[in-house]
């Protein structure tokens, strides 16, 4: 019984991490899409696009 409980706890921790990671990636995907849309709009207008460093907010 104890081994089963430990296995379930490990699976729950892994599941929690996977769900947290999926939410984080989904959130970042929205930011990346917005930045790409901004760059594409600037290029369509012929203006200079200023790229941000990786990790800069």
Protein backbone atom coordinates (compact mmCIF):
# COMPACT_ATOMS: atom_id res chain seq x y z
CA UNK A 1 0.00 0.00 0.00
CA UNK A 2 2.81 2.38 0.84
CA UNK A 3 4.52 1.82 -2.51
CA UNK A 4 1.25 2.56 -4.29
CA UNK A 5 0.82 5.78 -2.33
CA UNK A 6 4.36 6.90 -3.18
CA UNK A 7 3.84 6.11 -6.85
CA UNK A 8 0.61 8.09 -6.91
CA UNK A 9 2.26 11.07 -5.24
CA UNK A 10 5.07 11.05 -7.80
CA UNK A 11 2.54 10.88 -10.63
CA UNK A 12 0.56 13.77 -9.13
CA UNK A 13 3.70 15.89 -8.82
CA UNK A 14 4.62 15.14 -12.44
CA UNK A 15 1.07 15.93 -13.57
CA UNK A 16 1.12 19.25 -11.68
CA UNK A 17 4.42 20.16 -13.34
CA UNK A 18 3.15 19.24 -16.80
CA UNK A 19 0.01 21.35 -16.32
CA UNK A 20 2.03 24.31 -14.99
CA UNK A 21 4.46 24.04 -17.90
CA UNK A 22 1.63 23.88 -20.44
CA UNK A 23 0.06 27.02 -18.97
CA UNK A 24 3.42 28.83 -19.03
CA UNK A 25 4.12 27.88 -22.66
CA UNK A 26 0.60 28.93 -23.68
CA UNK A 27 1.10 32.30 -21.99
CA UNK A 28 4.47 32.82 -23.65
CA UNK A 29 3.03 31.79 -27.01
CA UNK A 30 0.62 34.72 -26.75
CA UNK A 31 3.53 37.08 -26.09
CA UNK A 32 5.53 35.67 -29.00
CA UNK A 33 2.54 35.96 -31.33
CA UNK A 34 1.98 39.58 -30.31
CA UNK A 35 5.65 40.41 -30.90
CA UNK A 36 5.57 38.72 -34.30
CA UNK A 37 2.39 40.56 -35.29
CA UNK A 38 4.00 43.84 -34.24
CA UNK A 39 7.11 43.12 -36.33
CA UNK A 40 5.07 42.07 -39.35
CA UNK A 41 2.95 45.23 -39.15
CA UNK A 42 6.08 47.38 -38.93
CA UNK A 43 7.62 45.62 -41.92
CA UNK A 44 4.42 46.08 -43.92
CA UNK A 45 4.60 49.82 -43.24
CA UNK A 46 8.28 49.91 -44.16
CA UNK A 47 9.44 51.06 -40.74
CA UNK A 48 12.49 49.81 -38.88
CA UNK A 49 11.85 46.95 -36.48
CA UNK A 50 13.70 47.03 -33.17
CA UNK A 51 14.19 43.50 -31.84
CA UNK A 52 14.28 42.85 -28.12
CA UNK A 53 16.86 40.62 -26.52
CA UNK A 54 15.83 37.10 -25.58
CA UNK A 55 14.34 37.18 -22.10
CA UNK A 56 13.78 40.94 -22.07
CA UNK A 57 10.33 42.07 -21.09
